[in-house]
PDB file of all heavy atoms in Angstrom:
ATOM      1  N   TYR A   1       0.814  -1.223   0.013  1.00  0.00           N
ATOM      2  CA  TYR A   1       0.031   0.010   0.003  1.00  0.00           C
ATOM      3  C   TYR A   1       0.860   1.286   0.037  1.00  0.00           C
ATOM      4  O   TYR A   1       0.555   2.221  -0.657  1.00  0.00           O
ATOM      5  CB  TYR A   1      -0.927   0.086   1.236  1.00  0.00           C
ATOM      6  CG  TYR A   1      -2.260  -0.601   0.988  1.00  0.00           C
ATOM      7  CD1 TYR A   1      -2.586  -1.874   1.484  1.00  0.00           C
ATOM      8  CD2 TYR A   1      -3.260  -0.002   0.219  1.00  0.00           C
ATOM      9  CE1 TYR A   1      -3.803  -2.506   1.266  1.00  0.00           C
ATOM     10  CE2 TYR A   1      -4.529  -0.529  -0.035  1.00  0.00           C
ATOM     11  CZ  TYR A   1      -4.745  -1.860   0.492  1.00  0.00           C
ATOM     12  OH  TYR A   1      -5.962  -2.348   0.294  1.00  0.00           O
ATOM     13  N   THR A   2       1.952   1.232   0.788  1.00  0.00           N
ATOM     14  CA  THR A   2       2.802   2.405   0.860  1.00  0.00           C
ATOM     15  C   THR A   2       3.495   2.713  -0.533  1.00  0.00           C
ATOM     16  O   THR A   2       3.480   3.773  -1.039  1.00  0.00           O
ATOM     17  CB  THR A   2       3.923   2.232   1.922  1.00  0.00           C
ATOM     18  OG1 THR A   2       3.267   2.043   3.179  1.00  0.00           O
ATOM     19  CG2 THR A   2       4.932   3.396   1.931  1.00  0.00           C
ATOM     20  N   GLY A   3       4.038   1.585  -1.148  1.00  0.00           N
ATOM     21  CA  GLY A   3       4.650   1.769  -2.426  1.00  0.00           C
ATOM     22  C   GLY A   3       3.745   2.175  -3.496  1.00  0.00           C
ATOM     23  O   GLY A   3       4.001   3.086  -4.316  1.00  0.00           O
ATOM     24  N   ILE A   4       2.571   1.671  -3.586  1.00  0.00           N
ATOM     25  CA  ILE A   4       1.578   2.018  -4.545  1.00  0.00           C
ATOM     26  C   ILE A   4       1.106   3.418  -4.363  1.00  0.00           C
ATOM     27  O   ILE A   4       0.935   4.185  -5.342  1.00  0.00           O
ATOM     28  CB  ILE A   4       0.376   1.010  -4.579  1.00  0.00           C
ATOM     29  CG1 ILE A   4       0.828  -0.380  -5.129  1.00  0.00           C
ATOM     30  CG2 ILE A   4      -0.784   1.562  -5.376  1.00  0.00           C
ATOM     31  CD1 ILE A   4      -0.158  -1.429  -5.011  1.00  0.00           C
ATOM     32  N   ALA A   5       0.818   3.851  -3.179  1.00  0.00           N
ATOM     33  CA  ALA A   5       0.367   5.178  -2.883  1.00  0.00           C
ATOM     34  C   ALA A   5       1.511   6.212  -3.334  1.00  0.00           C
ATOM     35  O   ALA A   5       1.138   7.206  -3.935  1.00  0.00           O
ATOM     36  CB  ALA A   5       0.093   5.387  -1.408  1.00  0.00           C
ATOM     37  N   TYR A   6       2.710   5.858  -3.045  1.00  0.00           N
ATOM     38  CA  TYR A   6       3.791   6.696  -3.526  1.00  0.00           C
ATOM     39  C   TYR A   6       3.837   6.845  -5.061  1.00  0.00           C
ATOM     40  O   TYR A   6       3.890   7.873  -5.566  1.00  0.00           O
ATOM     41  CB  TYR A   6       5.147   6.205  -2.963  1.00  0.00           C
ATOM     42  CG  TYR A   6       6.244   7.194  -3.150  1.00  0.00           C
ATOM     43  CD1 TYR A   6       6.753   7.882  -2.117  1.00  0.00           C
ATOM     44  CD2 TYR A   6       6.727   7.476  -4.397  1.00  0.00           C
ATOM     45  CE1 TYR A   6       7.764   8.833  -2.327  1.00  0.00           C
ATOM     46  CE2 TYR A   6       7.790   8.433  -4.597  1.00  0.00           C
ATOM     47  CZ  TYR A   6       8.269   9.099  -3.569  1.00  0.00           C
ATOM     48  OH  TYR A   6       9.261  10.008  -3.717  1.00  0.00           O
ATOM     49  N   LEU A   7       3.832   5.663  -5.726  1.00  0.00           N
ATOM     50  CA  LEU A   7       3.949   5.636  -7.102  1.00  0.00           C
ATOM     51  C   LEU A   7       2.833   6.307  -7.861  1.00  0.00           C
ATOM     52  O   LEU A   7       3.001   7.077  -8.791  1.00  0.00           O
ATOM     53  CB  LEU A   7       4.129   4.160  -7.624  1.00  0.00           C
ATOM     54  CG  LEU A   7       4.667   3.991  -9.000  1.00  0.00           C
ATOM     55  CD1 LEU A   7       6.021   4.584  -9.163  1.00  0.00           C
ATOM     56  CD2 LEU A   7       4.752   2.496  -9.300  1.00  0.00           C
ATOM     57  N   VAL A   8       1.613   6.107  -7.366  1.00  0.00           N
ATOM     58  CA  VAL A   8       0.447   6.747  -8.025  1.00  0.00           C
ATOM     59  C   VAL A   8       0.533   8.215  -7.859  1.00  0.00           C
ATOM     60  O   VAL A   8       0.257   9.015  -8.769  1.00  0.00           O
ATOM     61  CB  VAL A   8      -0.872   6.093  -7.484  1.00  0.00           C
ATOM     62  CG1 VAL A   8      -2.104   6.958  -7.819  1.00  0.00           C
ATOM     63  CG2 VAL A   8      -1.118   4.705  -7.911  1.00  0.00           C
ATOM     64  N   THR A   9       0.822   8.701  -6.678  1.00  0.00           N
ATOM     65  CA  THR A   9       0.925  10.098  -6.381  1.00  0.00           C
ATOM     66  C   THR A   9       2.018  10.758  -7.223  1.00  0.00           C
ATOM     67  O   THR A   9       1.803  11.760  -7.816  1.00  0.00           O
ATOM     68  CB  THR A   9       1.208  10.342  -4.893  1.00  0.00           C
ATOM     69  OG1 THR A   9       0.156   9.710  -4.116  1.00  0.00           O
ATOM     70  CG2 THR A   9       1.249  11.847  -4.519  1.00  0.00           C
ATOM     71  N   ALA A  10       3.187  10.158  -7.261  1.00  0.00           N
ATOM     72  CA  ALA A  10       4.296  10.592  -8.051  1.00  0.00           C
ATOM     73  C   ALA A  10       3.909  10.667  -9.546  1.00  0.00           C
ATOM     74  O   ALA A  10       4.278  11.624 -10.206  1.00  0.00           O
ATOM     75  CB  ALA A  10       5.566   9.814  -7.802  1.00  0.00           C
ATOM     76  N   ALA A  11       3.242   9.682 -10.034  1.00  0.00           N
ATOM     77  CA  ALA A  11       2.849   9.664 -11.414  1.00  0.00           C
ATOM     78  C   ALA A  11       1.887  10.834 -11.702  1.00  0.00           C
ATOM     79  O   ALA A  11       2.067  11.536 -12.724  1.00  0.00           O
ATOM     80  CB  ALA A  11       2.157   8.349 -11.762  1.00  0.00           C
ATOM     81  N   LEU A  12       0.918  11.054 -10.825  1.00  0.00           N
ATOM     82  CA  LEU A  12      -0.045  12.211 -11.084  1.00  0.00           C
ATOM     83  C   LEU A  12       0.696  13.497 -11.060  1.00  0.00           C
ATOM     84  O   LEU A  12       0.285  14.393 -11.803  1.00  0.00           O
ATOM     85  CB  LEU A  12      -1.132  12.122  -9.958  1.00  0.00           C
ATOM     86  CG  LEU A  12      -2.063  10.959 -10.022  1.00  0.00           C
ATOM     87  CD1 LEU A  12      -2.952  10.981  -8.793  1.00  0.00           C
ATOM     88  CD2 LEU A  12      -2.937  11.101 -11.292  1.00  0.00           C
ATOM     89  N   LEU A  13       1.755  13.622 -10.241  1.00  0.00           N
ATOM     90  CA  LEU A  13       2.487  14.902 -10.162  1.00  0.00           C
ATOM     91  C   LEU A  13       3.396  15.117 -11.373  1.00  0.00           C
ATOM     92  O   LEU A  13       3.722  16.233 -11.758  1.00  0.00           O
ATOM     93  CB  LEU A  13       3.326  14.947  -8.869  1.00  0.00           C
ATOM     94  CG  LEU A  13       2.580  14.927  -7.553  1.00  0.00           C
ATOM     95  CD1 LEU A  13       3.540  14.781  -6.430  1.00  0.00           C
ATOM     96  CD2 LEU A  13       1.697  16.132  -7.458  1.00  0.00           C
ATOM     97  N   THR A  14       3.773  13.976 -12.024  1.00  0.00           N
ATOM     98  CA  THR A  14       4.682  14.061 -13.215  1.00  0.00           C
ATOM     99  C   THR A  14       3.975  14.225 -14.503  1.00  0.00           C
ATOM    100  O   THR A  14       4.496  14.781 -15.404  1.00  0.00           O
ATOM    101  CB  THR A  14       5.577  12.804 -13.194  1.00  0.00           C
ATOM    102  OG1 THR A  14       6.245  12.737 -11.972  1.00  0.00           O
ATOM    103  CG2 THR A  14       6.626  12.882 -14.361  1.00  0.00           C
ATOM    104  N   ILE A  15       2.789  13.740 -14.629  1.00  0.00           N
ATOM    105  CA  ILE A  15       2.003  13.699 -15.825  1.00  0.00           C
ATOM    106  C   ILE A  15       1.921  15.069 -16.551  1.00  0.00           C
ATOM    107  O   ILE A  15       2.071  15.159 -17.763  1.00  0.00           O
ATOM    108  CB  ILE A  15       0.599  13.090 -15.625  1.00  0.00           C
ATOM    109  CG1 ILE A  15       0.683  11.596 -15.437  1.00  0.00           C
ATOM    110  CG2 ILE A  15      -0.355  13.432 -16.749  1.00  0.00           C
ATOM    111  CD1 ILE A  15      -0.585  10.897 -15.048  1.00  0.00           C
ATOM    112  N   PRO A  16       1.716  16.178 -15.858  1.00  0.00           N
ATOM    113  CA  PRO A  16       1.598  17.469 -16.540  1.00  0.00           C
ATOM    114  C   PRO A  16       2.812  17.748 -17.468  1.00  0.00           C
ATOM    115  O   PRO A  16       2.693  18.359 -18.561  1.00  0.00           O
ATOM    116  CB  PRO A  16       1.505  18.504 -15.437  1.00  0.00           C
ATOM    117  CG  PRO A  16       0.870  17.724 -14.278  1.00  0.00           C
ATOM    118  CD  PRO A  16       1.460  16.313 -14.407  1.00  0.00           C
ATOM    119  N   PHE A  17       3.984  17.297 -17.082  1.00  0.00           N
ATOM    120  CA  PHE A  17       5.154  17.570 -17.868  1.00  0.00           C
ATOM    121  C   PHE A  17       5.206  16.731 -19.176  1.00  0.00           C
ATOM    122  O   PHE A  17       5.874  17.087 -20.105  1.00  0.00           O
ATOM    123  CB  PHE A  17       6.440  17.280 -17.042  1.00  0.00           C
ATOM    124  CG  PHE A  17       6.642  18.285 -15.978  1.00  0.00           C
ATOM    125  CD1 PHE A  17       6.081  18.121 -14.712  1.00  0.00           C
ATOM    126  CD2 PHE A  17       7.285  19.537 -16.164  1.00  0.00           C
ATOM    127  CE1 PHE A  17       6.236  19.016 -13.669  1.00  0.00           C
ATOM    128  CE2 PHE A  17       7.417  20.424 -15.201  1.00  0.00           C
ATOM    129  CZ  PHE A  17       6.888  20.211 -13.916  1.00  0.00           C
ATOM    130  N   ALA A  18       4.461  15.699 -19.132  1.00  0.00           N
ATOM    131  CA  ALA A  18       4.339  14.841 -20.378  1.00  0.00           C
ATOM    132  C   ALA A  18       3.343  15.443 -21.393  1.00  0.00           C
ATOM    133  O   ALA A  18       3.385  15.055 -22.584  1.00  0.00           O
ATOM    134  CB  ALA A  18       3.931  13.439 -20.017  1.00  0.00           C
ATOM    135  N   ILE A  19       2.395  16.272 -20.952  1.00  0.00           N
ATOM    136  CA  ILE A  19       1.345  16.743 -21.845  1.00  0.00           C
ATOM    137  C   ILE A  19       1.358  18.261 -22.057  1.00  0.00           C
ATOM    138  O   ILE A  19       0.677  18.772 -22.920  1.00  0.00           O
ATOM    139  CB  ILE A  19       0.002  16.272 -21.388  1.00  0.00           C
ATOM    140  CG1 ILE A  19      -0.335  16.798 -19.942  1.00  0.00           C
ATOM    141  CG2 ILE A  19      -0.193  14.796 -21.423  1.00  0.00           C
ATOM    142  CD1 ILE A  19      -1.714  16.512 -19.394  1.00  0.00           C
ATOM    143  N   ILE A  20       2.200  18.947 -21.227  1.00  0.00           N
ATOM    144  CA  ILE A  20       2.288  20.383 -21.391  1.00  0.00           C
ATOM    145  C   ILE A  20       3.721  20.823 -21.655  1.00  0.00           C
ATOM    146  O   ILE A  20       4.662  20.424 -20.933  1.00  0.00           O
ATOM    147  CB  ILE A  20       1.827  21.103 -20.073  1.00  0.00           C
ATOM    148  CG1 ILE A  20       0.327  20.768 -19.826  1.00  0.00           C
ATOM    149  CG2 ILE A  20       1.943  22.603 -20.229  1.00  0.00           C
ATOM    150  CD1 ILE A  20      -0.166  21.190 -18.473  1.00  0.00           C
ATOM    151  N   SER A  21       3.910  21.488 -22.771  1.00  0.00           N
ATOM    152  CA  SER A  21       5.302  21.816 -23.224  1.00  0.00           C
ATOM    153  C   SER A  21       5.978  22.894 -22.434  1.00  0.00           C
ATOM    154  O   SER A  21       7.137  22.977 -22.340  1.00  0.00           O
ATOM    155  CB  SER A  21       5.377  22.105 -24.654  1.00  0.00           C
ATOM    156  OG  SER A  21       4.550  23.274 -24.939  1.00  0.00           O
ATOM    157  N   ASN A  22       5.215  23.810 -21.823  1.00  0.00           N
ATOM    158  CA  ASN A  22       5.795  24.843 -20.978  1.00  0.00           C
ATOM    159  C   ASN A  22       5.988  24.345 -19.593  1.00  0.00           C
ATOM    160  O   ASN A  22       5.013  24.053 -18.820  1.00  0.00           O
ATOM    161  CB  ASN A  22       4.827  26.094 -20.967  1.00  0.00           C
ATOM    162  CG  ASN A  22       5.404  27.179 -20.128  1.00  0.00           C
ATOM    163  OD1 ASN A  22       5.870  27.116 -19.044  1.00  0.00           O
ATOM    164  ND2 ASN A  22       5.311  28.442 -20.812  1.00  0.00           N
ATOM    165  N   ARG A  23       7.248  24.245 -19.142  1.00  0.00           N
ATOM    166  CA  ARG A  23       7.524  23.590 -17.866  1.00  0.00           C
ATOM    167  C   ARG A  23       6.975  24.354 -16.686  1.00  0.00           C
ATOM    168  O   ARG A  23       6.620  23.776 -15.666  1.00  0.00           O
ATOM    169  CB  ARG A  23       9.031  23.321 -17.715  1.00  0.00           C
ATOM    170  CG  ARG A  23       9.898  24.491 -17.459  1.00  0.00           C
ATOM    171  CD  ARG A  23      11.407  24.093 -17.428  1.00  0.00           C
ATOM    172  NE  ARG A  23      12.201  25.133 -16.978  1.00  0.00           N
ATOM    173  CZ  ARG A  23      12.818  26.050 -17.732  1.00  0.00           C
ATOM    174  NH1 ARG A  23      12.644  26.032 -19.018  1.00  0.00           N
ATOM    175  NH2 ARG A  23      13.606  26.982 -17.231  1.00  0.00           N
ATOM    176  N   PHE A  24       6.842  25.684 -16.754  1.00  0.00           N
ATOM    177  CA  PHE A  24       6.329  26.491 -15.670  1.00  0.00           C
ATOM    178  C   PHE A  24       4.761  26.352 -15.578  1.00  0.00           C
ATOM    179  O   PHE A  24       4.276  26.322 -14.429  1.00  0.00           O
ATOM    180  CB  PHE A  24       6.771  27.877 -15.816  1.00  0.00           C
ATOM    181  CG  PHE A  24       8.272  28.105 -15.736  1.00  0.00           C
ATOM    182  CD1 PHE A  24       8.995  28.466 -16.885  1.00  0.00           C
ATOM    183  CD2 PHE A  24       8.965  27.729 -14.580  1.00  0.00           C
ATOM    184  CE1 PHE A  24      10.340  28.598 -16.816  1.00  0.00           C
ATOM    185  CE2 PHE A  24      10.331  27.858 -14.514  1.00  0.00           C
ATOM    186  CZ  PHE A  24      10.992  28.286 -15.617  1.00  0.00           C
ATOM    187  N   PHE A  25       4.162  26.198 -16.677  1.00  0.00           N
ATOM    188  CA  PHE A  25       2.718  25.946 -16.689  1.00  0.00           C
ATOM    189  C   PHE A  25       2.427  24.528 -16.181  1.00  0.00           C
ATOM    190  O   PHE A  25       1.534  24.323 -15.326  1.00  0.00           O
ATOM    191  CB  PHE A  25       2.061  26.130 -18.047  1.00  0.00           C
ATOM    192  CG  PHE A  25       0.549  26.045 -18.110  1.00  0.00           C
ATOM    193  CD1 PHE A  25      -0.249  26.987 -17.389  1.00  0.00           C
ATOM    194  CD2 PHE A  25      -0.088  24.992 -18.771  1.00  0.00           C
ATOM    195  CE1 PHE A  25      -1.541  26.875 -17.438  1.00  0.00           C
ATOM    196  CE2 PHE A  25      -1.427  24.873 -18.773  1.00  0.00           C
ATOM    197  CZ  PHE A  25      -2.208  25.843 -18.089  1.00  0.00           C
ATOM    198  N   ALA A  26       3.291  23.588 -16.578  1.00  0.00           N
ATOM    199  CA  ALA A  26       3.195  22.249 -16.104  1.00  0.00           C
ATOM    200  C   ALA A  26       3.412  22.138 -14.574  1.00  0.00           C
ATOM    201  O   ALA A  26       2.728  21.484 -13.863  1.00  0.00           O
ATOM    202  CB  ALA A  26       4.200  21.305 -16.782  1.00  0.00           C
ATOM    203  N   LEU A  27       4.337  22.974 -14.105  1.00  0.00           N
ATOM    204  CA  LEU A  27       4.540  23.025 -12.658  1.00  0.00           C
ATOM    205  C   LEU A  27       3.346  23.595 -11.956  1.00  0.00           C
ATOM    206  O   LEU A  27       2.990  23.049 -10.848  1.00  0.00           O
ATOM    207  CB  LEU A  27       5.769  23.902 -12.407  1.00  0.00           C
ATOM    208  CG  LEU A  27       6.254  23.978 -10.991  1.00  0.00           C
ATOM    209  CD1 LEU A  27       6.729  22.576 -10.460  1.00  0.00           C
ATOM    210  CD2 LEU A  27       7.485  24.809 -10.879  1.00  0.00           C
ATOM    211  N   GLY A  28       2.688  24.575 -12.520  1.00  0.00           N
ATOM    212  CA  GLY A  28       1.475  25.111 -11.869  1.00  0.00           C
ATOM    213  C   GLY A  28       0.412  24.051 -11.753  1.00  0.00           C
ATOM    214  O   GLY A  28      -0.237  23.946 -10.775  1.00  0.00           O
ATOM    215  N   ILE A  29       0.254  23.245 -12.851  1.00  0.00           N
ATOM    216  CA  ILE A  29      -0.775  22.155 -12.824  1.00  0.00           C
ATOM    217  C   ILE A  29      -0.351  21.119 -11.808  1.00  0.00           C
ATOM    218  O   ILE A  29      -1.220  20.561 -11.152  1.00  0.00           O
ATOM    219  CB  ILE A  29      -0.883  21.581 -14.263  1.00  0.00           C
ATOM    220  CG1 ILE A  29      -1.367  22.617 -15.316  1.00  0.00           C
ATOM    221  CG2 ILE A  29      -1.793  20.377 -14.293  1.00  0.00           C
ATOM    222  CD1 ILE A  29      -2.702  23.217 -14.938  1.00  0.00           C
ATOM    223  N   THR A  30       0.885  20.847 -11.722  1.00  0.00           N
ATOM    224  CA  THR A  30       1.386  19.902 -10.672  1.00  0.00           C
ATOM    225  C   THR A  30       0.985  20.364  -9.283  1.00  0.00           C
ATOM    226  O   THR A  30       0.577  19.573  -8.476  1.00  0.00           O
ATOM    227  CB  THR A  30       2.899  19.694 -10.827  1.00  0.00           C
ATOM    228  OG1 THR A  30       3.249  19.093 -12.037  1.00  0.00           O
ATOM    229  CG2 THR A  30       3.441  18.842  -9.694  1.00  0.00           C
ATOM    230  N   PHE A  31       1.108  21.660  -9.000  1.00  0.00           N
ATOM    231  CA  PHE A  31       0.705  22.171  -7.732  1.00  0.00           C
ATOM    232  C   PHE A  31      -0.823  22.005  -7.543  1.00  0.00           C
ATOM    233  O   PHE A  31      -1.284  21.666  -6.432  1.00  0.00           O
ATOM    234  CB  PHE A  31       1.175  23.667  -7.523  1.00  0.00           C
ATOM    235  CG  PHE A  31       2.535  23.790  -7.084  1.00  0.00           C
ATOM    236  CD1 PHE A  31       3.470  24.551  -7.834  1.00  0.00           C
ATOM    237  CD2 PHE A  31       3.013  23.205  -5.932  1.00  0.00           C
ATOM    238  CE1 PHE A  31       4.719  24.733  -7.426  1.00  0.00           C
ATOM    239  CE2 PHE A  31       4.214  23.408  -5.479  1.00  0.00           C
ATOM    240  CZ  PHE A  31       5.164  24.128  -6.261  1.00  0.00           C
ATOM    241  N   VAL A  32      -1.581  22.315  -8.570  1.00  0.00           N
ATOM    242  CA  VAL A  32      -3.019  22.078  -8.514  1.00  0.00           C
ATOM    243  C   VAL A  32      -3.340  20.642  -8.204  1.00  0.00           C
ATOM    244  O   VAL A  32      -4.162  20.348  -7.269  1.00  0.00           O
ATOM    245  CB  VAL A  32      -3.691  22.598  -9.730  1.00  0.00           C
ATOM    246  CG1 VAL A  32      -5.153  22.213  -9.738  1.00  0.00           C
ATOM    247  CG2 VAL A  32      -3.602  24.132  -9.888  1.00  0.00           C
ATOM    248  N   ILE A  33      -2.717  19.774  -8.890  1.00  0.00           N
ATOM    249  CA  ILE A  33      -2.869  18.330  -8.599  1.00  0.00           C
ATOM    250  C   ILE A  33      -2.541  17.918  -7.218  1.00  0.00           C
ATOM    251  O   ILE A  33      -3.233  17.207  -6.508  1.00  0.00           O
ATOM    252  CB  ILE A  33      -2.119  17.501  -9.692  1.00  0.00           C
ATOM    253  CG1 ILE A  33      -2.770  17.612 -11.042  1.00  0.00           C
ATOM    254  CG2 ILE A  33      -2.093  16.011  -9.252  1.00  0.00           C
ATOM    255  CD1 ILE A  33      -1.939  17.012 -12.192  1.00  0.00           C
ATOM    256  N   SER A  34      -1.422  18.531  -6.763  1.00  0.00           N
ATOM    257  CA  SER A  34      -0.977  18.218  -5.340  1.00  0.00           C
ATOM    258  C   SER A  34      -1.949  18.666  -4.369  1.00  0.00           C
ATOM    259  O   SER A  34      -2.339  17.956  -3.411  1.00  0.00           O
ATOM    260  CB  SER A  34       0.369  18.915  -5.144  1.00  0.00           C
ATOM    261  OG  SER A  34       0.841  18.772  -3.881  1.00  0.00           O
ATOM    262  N   VAL A  35      -2.533  19.888  -4.577  1.00  0.00           N
ATOM    263  CA  VAL A  35      -3.565  20.356  -3.625  1.00  0.00           C
ATOM    264  C   VAL A  35      -4.798  19.476  -3.686  1.00  0.00           C
ATOM    265  O   VAL A  35      -5.416  19.228  -2.608  1.00  0.00           O
ATOM    266  CB  VAL A  35      -3.841  21.845  -3.851  1.00  0.00           C
ATOM    267  CG1 VAL A  35      -5.052  22.343  -3.094  1.00  0.00           C
ATOM    268  CG2 VAL A  35      -2.624  22.725  -3.560  1.00  0.00           C
ATOM    269  N   LEU A  36      -5.210  19.135  -4.890  1.00  0.00           N
ATOM    270  CA  LEU A  36      -6.381  18.257  -4.981  1.00  0.00           C
ATOM    271  C   LEU A  36      -6.188  16.919  -4.360  1.00  0.00           C
ATOM    272  O   LEU A  36      -7.074  16.356  -3.744  1.00  0.00           O
ATOM    273  CB  LEU A  36      -6.766  18.046  -6.491  1.00  0.00           C
ATOM    274  CG  LEU A  36      -7.301  19.324  -7.216  1.00  0.00           C
ATOM    275  CD1 LEU A  36      -7.461  19.025  -8.670  1.00  0.00           C
ATOM    276  CD2 LEU A  36      -8.606  19.746  -6.537  1.00  0.00           C
ATOM    277  N   ILE A  37      -4.954  16.262  -4.467  1.00  0.00           N
ATOM    278  CA  ILE A  37      -4.658  15.054  -3.822  1.00  0.00           C
ATOM    279  C   ILE A  37      -4.737  15.243  -2.283  1.00  0.00           C
ATOM    280  O   ILE A  37      -5.285  14.413  -1.576  1.00  0.00           O
ATOM    281  CB  ILE A  37      -3.274  14.542  -4.256  1.00  0.00           C
ATOM    282  CG1 ILE A  37      -3.288  14.089  -5.705  1.00  0.00           C
ATOM    283  CG2 ILE A  37      -2.798  13.365  -3.330  1.00  0.00           C
ATOM    284  CD1 ILE A  37      -1.852  13.741  -6.292  1.00  0.00           C
ATOM    285  N   ILE A  38      -4.065  16.271  -1.764  1.00  0.00           N
ATOM    286  CA  ILE A  38      -4.102  16.506  -0.332  1.00  0.00           C
ATOM    287  C   ILE A  38      -5.584  16.714   0.097  1.00  0.00           C
ATOM    288  O   ILE A  38      -5.977  16.176   1.107  1.00  0.00           O
ATOM    289  CB  ILE A  38      -3.247  17.747  -0.012  1.00  0.00           C
ATOM    290  CG1 ILE A  38      -1.808  17.430  -0.308  1.00  0.00           C
ATOM    291  CG2 ILE A  38      -3.423  18.170   1.412  1.00  0.00           C
ATOM    292  CD1 ILE A  38      -0.873  18.645  -0.227  1.00  0.00           C
ATOM    293  N   PHE A  39      -6.293  17.520  -0.598  1.00  0.00           N
ATOM    294  CA  PHE A  39      -7.736  17.782  -0.254  1.00  0.00           C
ATOM    295  C   PHE A  39      -8.503  16.397  -0.254  1.00  0.00           C
ATOM    296  O   PHE A  39      -9.173  16.175   0.766  1.00  0.00           O
ATOM    297  CB  PHE A  39      -8.320  18.786  -1.237  1.00  0.00           C
ATOM    298  CG  PHE A  39      -9.765  19.117  -0.917  1.00  0.00           C
ATOM    299  CD1 PHE A  39     -10.106  20.108  -0.059  1.00  0.00           C
ATOM    300  CD2 PHE A  39     -10.848  18.363  -1.475  1.00  0.00           C
ATOM    301  CE1 PHE A  39     -11.438  20.369   0.255  1.00  0.00           C
ATOM    302  CE2 PHE A  39     -12.143  18.658  -1.185  1.00  0.00           C
ATOM    303  CZ  PHE A  39     -12.445  19.646  -0.303  1.00  0.00           C
TER     304      PHE A  39
END
């Protein structure tokens, strides 16, 4: 459970960089995803 929770969370945080070419916009989306995961 620990390993899967880590991997799924990390994947969700990394995905924006695979679909958005501007790294700073992707970073902003990563923060939004992070807040949504925490929420």
